[in-house]
N, C-alpha and C. Protein backbone atom coordinates (compact mmCIF):
# COMPACT_ATOMS: atom_id res chain seq x y z
N MET A 1 61.23 -37.23 20.31
CA MET A 1 63.03 -36.57 19.96
C MET A 1 62.78 -37.46 18.75
N PRO A 2 63.18 -36.68 17.56
CA PRO A 2 62.82 -37.42 15.83
C PRO A 2 64.32 -39.05 15.95
N ALA A 3 63.64 -39.65 15.30
CA ALA A 3 64.68 -41.09 15.97
C ALA A 3 66.55 -40.82 15.74
N GLY A 4 67.61 -41.32 16.31
CA GLY A 4 68.77 -40.83 15.41
C GLY A 4 69.02 -39.19 16.64
N TYR A 5 68.28 -38.66 16.44
CA TYR A 5 69.00 -37.06 17.02
C TYR A 5 68.98 -37.23 18.91
N SER A 6 70.49 -36.70 19.20
CA SER A 6 69.90 -36.27 20.88
C SER A 6 70.48 -34.79 20.81
N PHE A 7 69.70 -34.60 22.23
CA PHE A 7 69.97 -33.30 23.04
C PHE A 7 71.25 -32.92 23.63
N ARG A 8 72.09 -31.76 22.64
CA ARG A 8 73.14 -32.59 22.69
C ARG A 8 73.52 -29.80 22.45
N PRO A 9 73.58 -29.42 23.38
CA PRO A 9 73.65 -27.88 23.61
C PRO A 9 74.88 -28.00 23.39
N ARG A 10 74.95 -26.69 22.80
CA ARG A 10 76.92 -26.12 22.48
C ARG A 10 76.36 -25.07 23.32
N PRO A 11 77.54 -24.48 24.14
CA PRO A 11 77.62 -24.04 25.57
C PRO A 11 77.98 -22.56 24.82
N TRP A 12 78.22 -22.07 23.13
CA TRP A 12 78.38 -20.88 23.00
C TRP A 12 76.73 -20.21 22.88
N ALA A 13 75.92 -21.49 22.24
CA ALA A 13 74.26 -21.05 22.21
C ALA A 13 73.65 -21.10 22.91
N LEU A 14 74.58 -21.59 24.36
CA LEU A 14 73.70 -21.60 25.52
C LEU A 14 74.39 -20.45 25.74
N ALA A 15 74.98 -20.02 26.55
CA ALA A 15 75.04 -18.65 25.88
C ALA A 15 74.56 -17.14 25.14
N LEU A 16 74.50 -17.29 24.49
CA LEU A 16 73.82 -16.44 23.45
C LEU A 16 72.28 -17.01 23.65
N ALA A 17 71.50 -17.69 24.06
CA ALA A 17 70.44 -17.16 24.16
C ALA A 17 70.22 -17.25 25.64
N LEU A 18 70.96 -17.20 26.43
CA LEU A 18 70.39 -16.66 27.77
C LEU A 18 70.57 -15.25 27.69
N ALA A 19 71.53 -15.14 26.85
CA ALA A 19 71.72 -13.25 26.46
C ALA A 19 70.73 -12.54 26.56
N ALA A 20 70.51 -13.34 24.94
CA ALA A 20 69.18 -12.72 24.44
C ALA A 20 68.39 -13.19 25.37
N CYS A 21 67.35 -13.83 25.39
CA CYS A 21 65.99 -13.89 26.26
C CYS A 21 66.40 -13.17 27.66
N ALA A 22 66.95 -12.74 28.67
CA ALA A 22 67.26 -12.18 29.24
C ALA A 22 67.60 -10.70 29.27
N ALA A 23 67.58 -10.01 27.74
CA ALA A 23 67.38 -8.87 27.20
C ALA A 23 66.41 -8.62 26.51
N GLY A 24 65.92 -9.05 26.25
CA GLY A 24 64.23 -9.15 25.73
C GLY A 24 63.54 -9.10 26.94
N ILE A 25 63.54 -10.02 27.98
CA ILE A 25 62.64 -9.97 29.35
C ILE A 25 62.87 -7.92 29.98
N ALA A 26 64.28 -8.09 29.59
CA ALA A 26 64.19 -6.95 30.50
C ALA A 26 64.14 -5.34 30.17
N LEU A 27 63.73 -5.65 28.23
CA LEU A 27 63.98 -5.01 27.96
C LEU A 27 62.06 -4.67 28.02
N GLY A 28 61.18 -5.61 27.74
CA GLY A 28 59.86 -5.49 27.17
C GLY A 28 59.42 -4.91 29.13
N ASN A 29 59.88 -5.78 30.34
CA ASN A 29 60.01 -4.86 30.97
C ASN A 29 59.46 -3.27 31.44
N TRP A 30 60.94 -3.34 30.39
CA TRP A 30 60.53 -1.42 31.22
C TRP A 30 60.10 -0.89 30.47
N GLN A 31 59.06 -1.91 29.06
CA GLN A 31 58.62 -0.99 28.20
C GLN A 31 56.33 -1.34 29.03
N ARG A 32 57.22 -1.69 29.62
CA ARG A 32 55.56 -2.07 30.43
C ARG A 32 55.99 -1.70 31.41
N GLY A 33 56.90 -0.81 32.16
CA GLY A 33 56.79 0.39 32.61
C GLY A 33 56.27 1.56 32.39
N ARG A 34 57.32 1.42 31.18
CA ARG A 34 56.87 3.57 31.30
C ARG A 34 55.17 3.15 30.62
N ALA A 35 54.55 2.19 29.61
CA ALA A 35 53.43 1.92 29.79
C ALA A 35 52.59 2.45 31.08
N ALA A 36 53.03 1.71 32.10
CA ALA A 36 52.48 1.07 33.20
C ALA A 36 52.21 3.43 33.89
N GLU A 37 53.59 4.66 33.75
CA GLU A 37 53.52 5.67 33.85
C GLU A 37 52.65 6.32 33.02
N LYS A 38 52.58 5.84 32.27
CA LYS A 38 51.53 7.17 31.30
C LYS A 38 50.42 6.69 32.02
N LEU A 39 49.68 6.06 31.20
CA LEU A 39 48.52 5.35 32.37
C LEU A 39 48.59 5.98 33.89
N GLU A 40 49.23 5.96 34.97
CA GLU A 40 49.42 6.87 36.35
C GLU A 40 48.88 7.78 36.44
N HIS A 41 49.50 8.31 35.14
CA HIS A 41 49.89 10.29 34.55
C HIS A 41 49.04 10.30 34.16
N ALA A 42 48.21 10.23 34.11
CA ALA A 42 46.29 10.17 33.23
C ALA A 42 45.75 10.19 34.06
N ALA A 43 45.90 9.04 34.98
CA ALA A 43 44.53 8.77 35.79
C ALA A 43 44.89 10.30 37.32
N ARG A 44 46.22 10.62 37.42
CA ARG A 44 46.07 11.91 38.31
C ARG A 44 45.46 12.83 37.65
N VAL A 45 46.13 13.20 36.55
CA VAL A 45 45.04 14.98 35.54
C VAL A 45 43.97 14.92 36.10
N GLU A 46 42.91 16.44 36.38
CA GLU A 46 42.86 16.12 36.87
C GLU A 46 41.36 17.38 36.16
N ARG A 47 40.33 17.38 35.78
CA ARG A 47 39.58 18.22 34.87
C ARG A 47 39.27 19.62 35.25
N VAL A 48 39.26 20.89 34.64
CA VAL A 48 38.83 22.21 35.26
C VAL A 48 38.34 22.28 34.49
N ALA A 49 37.62 23.42 35.64
CA ALA A 49 37.43 25.12 34.93
C ALA A 49 37.17 26.45 36.45
N LEU A 50 37.86 26.68 34.89
CA LEU A 50 38.25 28.67 35.69
C LEU A 50 37.76 29.18 35.49
N GLU A 51 37.86 30.93 35.66
CA GLU A 51 37.10 32.17 35.30
C GLU A 51 37.65 33.32 35.20
N GLY A 52 38.32 33.66 34.87
CA GLY A 52 38.67 35.01 34.45
C GLY A 52 39.56 35.57 33.84
N GLU A 53 40.84 35.90 33.77
CA GLU A 53 41.24 38.22 33.01
C GLU A 53 42.67 37.23 32.43
N PHE A 54 42.77 36.94 31.55
CA PHE A 54 44.17 36.94 30.89
C PHE A 54 44.92 37.62 30.82
N LEU A 55 46.39 37.53 31.37
CA LEU A 55 47.37 38.86 31.73
C LEU A 55 47.93 38.89 30.09
N PRO A 56 47.98 39.82 28.68
CA PRO A 56 48.03 39.36 27.45
C PRO A 56 49.41 39.05 27.21
N SER A 57 50.18 40.71 28.61
CA SER A 57 51.52 41.11 28.12
C SER A 57 52.62 40.11 28.65
N PHE A 58 51.76 39.19 29.22
CA PHE A 58 53.33 38.18 30.16
C PHE A 58 53.14 37.25 29.80
N THR A 59 52.49 36.80 28.29
CA THR A 59 52.31 36.08 27.33
C THR A 59 54.51 35.58 26.90
N ILE A 60 54.12 33.90 26.52
CA ILE A 60 55.28 33.56 26.41
C ILE A 60 55.16 32.22 25.16
N TYR A 61 55.63 32.52 24.59
CA TYR A 61 55.92 31.73 23.15
C TYR A 61 56.75 30.82 23.13
N LEU A 62 56.60 29.00 23.36
CA LEU A 62 57.08 27.98 23.73
C LEU A 62 57.82 27.77 22.25
N ASP A 63 59.13 27.42 22.01
CA ASP A 63 59.98 26.84 20.93
C ASP A 63 59.74 25.80 20.16
N ASN A 64 59.87 25.39 19.39
CA ASN A 64 60.09 24.30 18.50
C ASN A 64 59.13 23.15 19.24
N LYS A 65 56.73 23.34 18.86
CA LYS A 65 56.48 22.54 18.65
C LYS A 65 55.75 22.80 17.84
N MET A 66 55.71 20.93 17.99
CA MET A 66 55.27 20.15 16.01
C MET A 66 54.06 20.34 16.19
N HIS A 67 53.23 20.21 15.02
CA HIS A 67 51.43 20.63 15.17
C HIS A 67 51.03 19.56 14.02
N ARG A 68 51.06 18.49 13.33
CA ARG A 68 50.85 17.45 12.29
C ARG A 68 51.79 18.31 11.19
N GLY A 69 53.59 17.93 11.95
CA GLY A 69 53.97 17.77 10.72
C GLY A 69 55.15 19.43 10.43
N ARG A 70 53.82 20.48 11.16
CA ARG A 70 54.43 21.61 10.93
C ARG A 70 55.04 22.15 12.91
N ALA A 71 56.03 23.53 11.72
CA ALA A 71 57.01 24.09 12.96
C ALA A 71 55.70 25.49 13.53
N GLY A 72 55.75 25.25 14.88
CA GLY A 72 55.12 26.47 15.63
C GLY A 72 55.42 26.89 17.53
N TYR A 73 54.65 27.30 17.49
CA TYR A 73 54.60 27.49 19.58
C TYR A 73 53.82 27.09 19.93
N GLU A 74 53.94 27.36 21.63
CA GLU A 74 52.21 26.65 22.53
C GLU A 74 52.37 28.22 22.88
N VAL A 75 51.58 28.56 23.28
CA VAL A 75 51.49 30.11 23.47
C VAL A 75 50.92 29.88 25.07
N VAL A 76 51.51 30.19 25.75
CA VAL A 76 50.91 30.45 27.63
C VAL A 76 51.17 31.71 28.25
N THR A 77 49.56 31.72 28.42
CA THR A 77 49.62 32.94 29.30
C THR A 77 48.75 33.20 30.62
N PRO A 78 49.22 33.66 31.58
CA PRO A 78 48.86 33.80 32.94
C PRO A 78 47.16 34.39 33.22
N LEU A 79 46.83 33.62 33.27
CA LEU A 79 45.20 33.59 34.01
C LEU A 79 45.29 34.48 35.71
N ARG A 80 44.30 36.11 35.25
CA ARG A 80 43.92 35.80 37.17
C ARG A 80 43.11 35.31 37.11
N ILE A 81 42.67 34.58 38.01
CA ILE A 81 41.39 34.19 38.72
C ILE A 81 40.70 34.76 39.48
N ARG A 82 39.71 34.43 38.40
CA ARG A 82 37.82 35.70 39.54
C ARG A 82 37.58 35.15 40.66
N GLY A 83 37.51 36.54 41.72
CA GLY A 83 37.95 36.67 42.78
C GLY A 83 38.90 36.25 43.39
N SER A 84 39.69 35.89 43.07
CA SER A 84 41.16 35.95 43.89
C SER A 84 42.94 36.51 43.54
N ALA A 85 43.51 37.02 44.61
CA ALA A 85 44.65 37.67 43.53
C ALA A 85 45.34 36.72 42.92
N THR A 86 45.70 35.31 43.47
CA THR A 86 46.11 34.39 42.23
C THR A 86 46.24 34.37 40.81
N HIS A 87 47.31 33.33 40.32
CA HIS A 87 46.75 34.13 38.69
C HIS A 87 47.87 32.17 38.40
N VAL A 88 47.41 31.89 37.36
CA VAL A 88 47.77 30.27 36.52
C VAL A 88 47.52 30.37 35.58
N LEU A 89 49.11 29.68 35.35
CA LEU A 89 49.56 29.64 33.60
C LEU A 89 48.58 29.39 33.14
N VAL A 90 48.45 29.10 31.75
CA VAL A 90 47.48 28.61 30.63
C VAL A 90 48.10 28.10 29.50
N ASN A 91 48.57 27.11 28.66
CA ASN A 91 48.81 26.32 27.83
C ASN A 91 47.84 26.55 27.21
N ARG A 92 47.27 27.64 26.29
CA ARG A 92 46.17 28.22 25.33
C ARG A 92 46.68 28.05 23.77
N GLY A 93 47.45 27.07 23.70
CA GLY A 93 47.15 26.37 22.07
C GLY A 93 48.36 26.35 21.12
N TRP A 94 48.65 26.08 19.92
CA TRP A 94 49.28 26.32 18.97
C TRP A 94 48.91 26.81 18.22
N VAL A 95 49.93 27.45 17.82
CA VAL A 95 50.02 28.58 16.65
C VAL A 95 51.36 28.02 15.98
N ALA A 96 51.52 28.54 14.38
CA ALA A 96 51.93 27.98 13.52
C ALA A 96 53.30 29.36 13.20
N ALA A 97 54.31 28.72 13.06
CA ALA A 97 55.97 29.93 13.30
C ALA A 97 55.49 30.80 11.83
N GLY A 98 55.57 31.93 11.73
CA GLY A 98 55.78 32.54 10.40
C GLY A 98 57.77 32.45 10.00
N ALA A 99 57.10 33.63 9.05
CA ALA A 99 58.27 33.79 8.28
C ALA A 99 60.29 33.42 8.71
N THR A 100 59.91 34.61 9.57
CA THR A 100 61.39 34.26 10.06
C THR A 100 60.55 34.14 12.60
N ARG A 101 61.34 33.34 12.87
CA ARG A 101 61.60 33.72 14.23
C ARG A 101 61.47 34.99 14.41
N GLU A 102 62.25 35.49 14.66
CA GLU A 102 62.03 36.88 15.20
C GLU A 102 60.92 38.10 15.24
N LEU A 103 59.92 37.43 13.83
CA LEU A 103 58.36 37.86 14.06
C LEU A 103 57.43 37.38 14.41
N LEU A 104 57.24 36.95 15.74
CA LEU A 104 56.40 36.23 16.53
C LEU A 104 55.18 36.03 15.67
N PRO A 105 53.75 35.56 15.28
CA PRO A 105 52.56 36.06 14.62
C PRO A 105 52.17 36.08 16.06
N GLU A 106 50.95 37.23 15.53
CA GLU A 106 50.11 37.75 16.19
C GLU A 106 49.10 36.98 16.73
N VAL A 107 48.82 36.48 18.20
CA VAL A 107 47.54 36.01 18.71
C VAL A 107 47.10 36.89 18.69
N PRO A 108 45.82 36.96 19.27
CA PRO A 108 44.19 37.73 19.80
C PRO A 108 44.08 37.04 20.60
N THR A 109 44.50 37.17 21.84
CA THR A 109 44.02 37.03 23.29
C THR A 109 42.57 37.94 24.13
N PRO A 110 42.13 37.00 24.20
CA PRO A 110 40.48 37.97 24.73
C PRO A 110 40.17 38.43 26.07
N ALA A 111 40.08 40.22 25.64
CA ALA A 111 39.55 40.67 26.79
C ALA A 111 38.95 40.66 27.42
N GLY A 112 38.35 41.24 29.16
CA GLY A 112 37.54 40.62 30.06
C GLY A 112 37.47 39.34 30.40
N ALA A 113 36.47 38.96 31.31
CA ALA A 113 36.59 37.48 31.86
C ALA A 113 36.32 36.54 30.28
N VAL A 114 36.50 35.61 30.62
CA VAL A 114 36.92 34.07 30.11
C VAL A 114 36.27 32.75 30.84
N ARG A 115 35.79 31.93 30.30
CA ARG A 115 35.81 31.33 30.98
C ARG A 115 36.97 29.43 29.87
N ILE A 116 37.43 29.23 31.54
CA ILE A 116 38.94 28.15 30.36
C ILE A 116 38.44 26.91 31.13
N GLU A 117 38.11 25.83 30.25
CA GLU A 117 38.13 24.35 30.13
C GLU A 117 39.08 23.67 30.12
N GLY A 118 40.32 22.37 30.83
CA GLY A 118 41.18 21.75 30.35
C GLY A 118 41.39 21.11 31.32
N PHE A 119 42.35 20.54 31.71
CA PHE A 119 43.59 19.39 32.35
C PHE A 119 44.83 20.41 32.45
N ALA A 120 44.46 20.10 34.72
CA ALA A 120 45.48 20.49 35.47
C ALA A 120 46.33 19.54 35.82
N LEU A 121 47.80 20.19 34.84
CA LEU A 121 49.36 19.60 34.84
C LEU A 121 49.83 19.82 35.66
N GLN A 122 50.14 18.77 36.41
CA GLN A 122 50.85 18.43 37.94
C GLN A 122 53.05 18.48 37.54
N GLY A 123 53.24 18.76 37.95
CA GLY A 123 55.01 18.92 38.17
C GLY A 123 55.38 18.38 36.64
N LEU A 124 55.24 20.07 36.11
CA LEU A 124 55.93 20.11 34.71
C LEU A 124 57.43 21.31 34.85
N PRO A 125 58.23 20.37 35.99
CA PRO A 125 59.10 22.20 35.94
C PRO A 125 60.31 21.19 34.50
N LYS A 126 59.96 20.24 34.24
CA LYS A 126 61.26 19.86 33.36
C LYS A 126 60.48 20.03 31.63
N VAL A 127 59.09 20.55 31.60
CA VAL A 127 58.67 20.99 30.17
C VAL A 127 58.83 22.52 30.26
N PHE A 128 58.52 22.91 31.63
CA PHE A 128 58.44 24.37 31.70
C PHE A 128 59.84 25.37 33.03
N ARG A 129 60.76 25.84 32.31
CA ARG A 129 61.54 25.34 32.50
C ARG A 129 62.68 27.02 32.66
N LEU A 130 62.80 28.07 33.14
CA LEU A 130 63.47 29.67 33.24
C LEU A 130 64.54 29.56 32.12
N GLU A 131 64.70 30.27 31.46
CA GLU A 131 65.78 31.07 30.68
C GLU A 131 66.28 31.99 30.82
N LYS A 132 67.38 32.28 31.67
CA LYS A 132 67.66 34.05 31.59
C LYS A 132 68.07 34.93 30.72
N GLY A 133 67.28 35.73 30.75
CA GLY A 133 68.02 36.84 30.10
C GLY A 133 66.69 36.32 29.15
N ALA A 134 66.04 36.03 28.50
CA ALA A 134 64.15 35.09 27.63
C ALA A 134 63.51 36.08 27.75
N GLY A 135 63.03 36.26 26.48
CA GLY A 135 62.16 37.11 26.77
C GLY A 135 60.74 36.37 26.24
N LYS A 136 60.15 37.47 25.58
CA LYS A 136 58.29 36.13 25.01
C LYS A 136 59.36 34.81 24.49
N LEU A 137 59.70 34.95 23.51
CA LEU A 137 60.36 33.42 22.62
C LEU A 137 61.02 32.12 23.65
N ARG A 138 60.89 31.15 24.00
CA ARG A 138 62.05 30.68 25.22
C ARG A 138 61.60 29.47 24.44
N GLN A 139 62.69 28.06 25.30
CA GLN A 139 62.14 27.06 24.41
C GLN A 139 61.18 26.01 25.88
N SER A 140 60.89 26.57 27.06
CA SER A 140 60.95 25.98 27.98
C SER A 140 60.43 27.57 29.39
N LEU A 141 59.49 26.76 30.48
CA LEU A 141 59.02 27.61 31.34
C LEU A 141 58.98 27.42 33.01
N GLU A 142 59.67 27.46 33.56
CA GLU A 142 59.47 26.72 35.14
C GLU A 142 58.63 27.70 36.13
N VAL A 143 57.53 27.28 36.01
CA VAL A 143 56.49 28.05 37.04
C VAL A 143 57.10 29.01 37.84
N ASP A 144 57.47 28.91 39.62
CA ASP A 144 58.46 29.05 39.98
C ASP A 144 59.86 30.40 39.71
N ALA A 145 60.12 30.24 38.95
CA ALA A 145 60.96 31.30 38.55
C ALA A 145 59.95 31.99 37.66
N TYR A 146 59.51 31.41 36.67
CA TYR A 146 58.74 32.92 36.03
C TYR A 146 58.00 33.70 37.08
N ALA A 147 57.23 33.40 37.91
CA ALA A 147 56.40 33.64 39.35
C ALA A 147 57.66 35.12 40.03
N ALA A 148 58.64 34.39 40.20
CA ALA A 148 59.87 35.56 40.76
C ALA A 148 60.49 36.25 39.53
N GLU A 149 60.55 36.03 38.82
CA GLU A 149 60.98 37.29 37.36
C GLU A 149 59.43 38.36 36.94
N THR A 150 58.53 37.46 37.07
CA THR A 150 56.95 38.84 36.79
C THR A 150 56.65 39.17 37.81
N GLY A 151 56.49 38.63 39.45
CA GLY A 151 56.28 39.17 40.24
C GLY A 151 54.47 38.92 41.00
N LEU A 152 53.83 38.15 39.59
CA LEU A 152 53.12 37.14 39.33
C LEU A 152 52.35 36.00 40.58
N ARG A 153 51.62 35.62 41.31
CA ARG A 153 51.33 34.81 42.40
C ARG A 153 51.10 33.73 41.76
N LEU A 154 52.14 33.12 40.94
CA LEU A 154 51.16 31.52 40.27
C LEU A 154 51.13 30.64 40.96
N GLU A 155 49.36 29.41 40.29
CA GLU A 155 50.14 27.97 40.94
C GLU A 155 50.75 27.58 40.90
N PRO A 156 51.18 26.44 41.46
CA PRO A 156 51.65 25.47 40.53
C PRO A 156 51.88 24.70 39.15
N ARG A 157 50.68 24.42 39.57
CA ARG A 157 49.60 23.61 38.01
C ARG A 157 50.11 25.16 37.26
N VAL A 158 49.56 23.93 35.52
CA VAL A 158 49.80 24.19 34.52
C VAL A 158 48.12 24.33 33.67
N ILE A 159 47.03 24.65 33.70
CA ILE A 159 46.38 24.62 32.32
C ILE A 159 46.69 24.40 31.00
N GLN A 160 46.02 23.30 31.15
CA GLN A 160 46.22 22.83 29.25
C GLN A 160 44.90 23.02 28.79
N GLN A 161 44.52 24.20 28.17
CA GLN A 161 43.26 24.66 27.52
C GLN A 161 42.41 24.25 26.55
N HIS A 162 41.86 23.43 26.89
CA HIS A 162 41.01 22.30 25.34
C HIS A 162 39.32 23.30 25.18
N SER A 163 38.60 24.36 25.70
CA SER A 163 37.37 24.57 25.03
C SER A 163 38.51 26.26 24.27
N ALA A 164 37.27 26.13 23.63
CA ALA A 164 37.26 27.07 22.31
C ALA A 164 37.32 28.08 22.77
N LEU A 165 37.81 29.28 21.91
CA LEU A 165 38.04 30.54 22.35
C LEU A 165 38.73 31.42 21.18
N PRO A 166 38.18 32.39 21.08
CA PRO A 166 38.17 33.06 19.78
C PRO A 166 39.76 33.84 19.11
N ASP A 167 40.98 33.00 18.70
CA ASP A 167 42.09 33.16 19.10
C ASP A 167 42.79 32.93 18.30
N GLY A 168 42.31 31.40 17.28
CA GLY A 168 42.86 30.71 15.87
C GLY A 168 43.57 29.39 16.61
N LEU A 169 44.10 29.89 17.90
CA LEU A 169 45.27 28.35 18.45
C LEU A 169 44.57 27.31 18.19
N ALA A 170 45.83 26.08 17.57
CA ALA A 170 44.91 25.11 17.62
C ALA A 170 45.09 24.30 19.27
N ARG A 171 43.88 22.71 19.25
CA ARG A 171 43.92 22.57 20.63
C ARG A 171 43.00 21.02 20.87
N ASP A 172 44.07 20.70 19.18
CA ASP A 172 43.83 19.06 19.35
C ASP A 172 45.00 18.20 19.88
N TRP A 173 44.86 18.33 21.75
CA TRP A 173 46.07 18.15 22.16
C TRP A 173 46.22 16.54 22.35
N PRO A 174 47.71 15.13 22.38
CA PRO A 174 47.11 14.64 22.11
C PRO A 174 46.34 14.24 23.85
N PRO A 175 45.57 12.48 23.63
CA PRO A 175 45.48 12.15 25.20
C PRO A 175 46.78 11.76 26.28
N GLN A 176 46.13 11.92 27.17
CA GLN A 176 47.24 11.56 28.97
C GLN A 176 47.97 10.96 28.47
N ASP A 177 46.93 9.79 28.17
CA ASP A 177 47.63 7.79 28.34
C ASP A 177 48.48 8.22 27.10
N ALA A 178 48.32 9.25 26.44
CA ALA A 178 49.73 8.64 24.34
C ALA A 178 50.60 8.02 24.52
N GLY A 179 50.34 7.09 23.89
CA GLY A 179 51.48 6.33 23.98
C GLY A 179 52.08 4.84 25.14
N ALA A 180 50.95 4.52 25.56
CA ALA A 180 50.81 3.59 26.66
C ALA A 180 50.85 2.17 25.60
N GLU A 181 49.64 2.36 24.63
CA GLU A 181 49.64 1.56 23.58
C GLU A 181 50.61 0.86 23.61
N LYS A 182 51.07 2.17 22.62
CA LYS A 182 52.51 1.40 21.57
C LYS A 182 53.26 0.57 22.69
N ASN A 183 53.37 1.76 23.98
CA ASN A 183 54.80 0.89 24.41
C ASN A 183 54.40 -0.76 25.41
N ARG A 184 52.79 -0.81 25.49
CA ARG A 184 52.27 -2.68 25.11
C ARG A 184 52.92 -3.17 24.30
N ALA A 185 53.28 -2.68 22.90
CA ALA A 185 52.81 -3.34 21.81
C ALA A 185 54.56 -3.84 21.98
N TYR A 186 55.68 -3.16 22.00
CA TYR A 186 57.08 -2.98 22.17
C TYR A 186 57.01 -3.96 23.09
N ALA A 187 56.69 -3.38 24.17
CA ALA A 187 56.89 -4.83 25.37
C ALA A 187 56.57 -6.23 24.79
N LEU A 188 55.36 -6.09 24.07
CA LEU A 188 54.82 -8.01 23.87
C LEU A 188 55.97 -8.25 22.88
N GLN A 189 56.67 -7.46 21.61
CA GLN A 189 57.84 -7.67 20.66
C GLN A 189 58.97 -8.26 21.35
N TRP A 190 59.45 -7.46 22.75
CA TRP A 190 60.46 -7.88 23.40
C TRP A 190 60.06 -9.36 23.84
N TYR A 191 58.82 -9.81 24.99
CA TYR A 191 58.69 -10.63 25.93
C TYR A 191 58.45 -12.19 24.21
N SER A 192 58.43 -11.10 22.94
CA SER A 192 58.31 -12.88 21.99
C SER A 192 59.09 -12.88 21.95
N LEU A 193 60.56 -12.52 21.13
CA LEU A 193 61.95 -12.16 21.19
C LEU A 193 62.84 -13.08 21.90
N ALA A 194 62.47 -12.70 23.31
CA ALA A 194 63.24 -13.70 24.50
C ALA A 194 62.56 -14.98 24.34
N GLY A 195 61.60 -15.08 23.98
CA GLY A 195 61.05 -16.77 23.69
C GLY A 195 61.19 -17.37 22.87
N LEU A 196 61.62 -16.34 21.64
CA LEU A 196 62.31 -17.07 20.79
C LEU A 196 63.47 -17.39 20.23
N ALA A 197 64.34 -15.95 21.21
CA ALA A 197 65.08 -17.25 21.47
C ALA A 197 65.43 -18.56 22.55
N VAL A 198 64.83 -18.49 22.75
CA VAL A 198 64.88 -20.37 24.22
C VAL A 198 64.43 -20.82 23.20
N VAL A 199 63.52 -20.57 22.05
CA VAL A 199 62.50 -21.85 20.65
C VAL A 199 63.61 -22.73 20.03
N LEU A 200 64.42 -21.41 18.76
CA LEU A 200 65.88 -21.55 18.56
C LEU A 200 66.80 -22.53 19.27
N PHE A 201 67.04 -21.69 19.97
CA PHE A 201 68.11 -22.46 21.24
C PHE A 201 68.07 -24.72 21.10
N LEU A 202 66.43 -24.82 21.63
CA LEU A 202 65.97 -25.87 21.72
C LEU A 202 66.06 -26.53 20.90
N VAL A 203 65.78 -25.92 18.97
CA VAL A 203 65.65 -27.24 18.40
C VAL A 203 67.30 -26.54 17.83
N LEU A 204 68.21 -25.55 17.84
CA LEU A 204 69.05 -25.68 17.53
C LEU A 204 69.92 -26.80 17.99
N SER A 205 69.79 -27.70 19.04
CA SER A 205 70.30 -28.28 19.68
C SER A 205 70.72 -29.35 19.59
N PHE A 206 69.80 -30.05 19.04
CA PHE A 206 69.58 -31.60 18.99
C PHE A 206 70.12 -31.50 17.27
N ARG A 207 70.73 -32.34 17.59
CA ARG A 207 72.15 -33.02 16.67
C ARG A 207 72.22 -34.06 16.13
N LYS A 208 72.49 -34.89 15.18
CA LYS A 208 72.65 -36.36 14.89
C LYS A 208 73.52 -37.02 15.97
N ALA A 209 73.15 -38.76 16.68
CA ALA A 209 73.45 -38.99 17.83
C ALA A 209 75.10 -39.33 16.97
């Protein structure tokens, strides 16, 4: 301790430091939890390969999907699984929007048997949610509701296609754990701010005797 100084904290400074420290730790823990959730989700994702035939008449365009700064749609088409009466929704990729929303872009669908490789995504009702009375252009789509609407026997999972097909769709999907490192960095920043609040409180509490 420097000569002539004593540790005399001010009550308001103590309260402020405690509040800032608690907030920093809480926000850091939240960001760390978000990173853990994304990593856990990525660990649960299963890579799959399926053969079957697309049903283009049931294709849905999911609106408001951005790709490299451009607006467009994600194209979802049911695939009748080979040797089965079961179908699965395939998120085939992204296509740019046209000049008007009334005219949807033409997306060629391969005819006959195709082989699809990608990731089987589970628990997507928050993303795929049915809109009553909607046509091919929708904001979201729920698997169970779409099965009831179409009469198709659909698996609960959705396949995010990664294999190439001659359809002109973009499939450079973000990694399944996208954002986890950013959450970790944010957590470190909040913990650092909590530590800084403590250091500033200690330094400013030393006053001349």
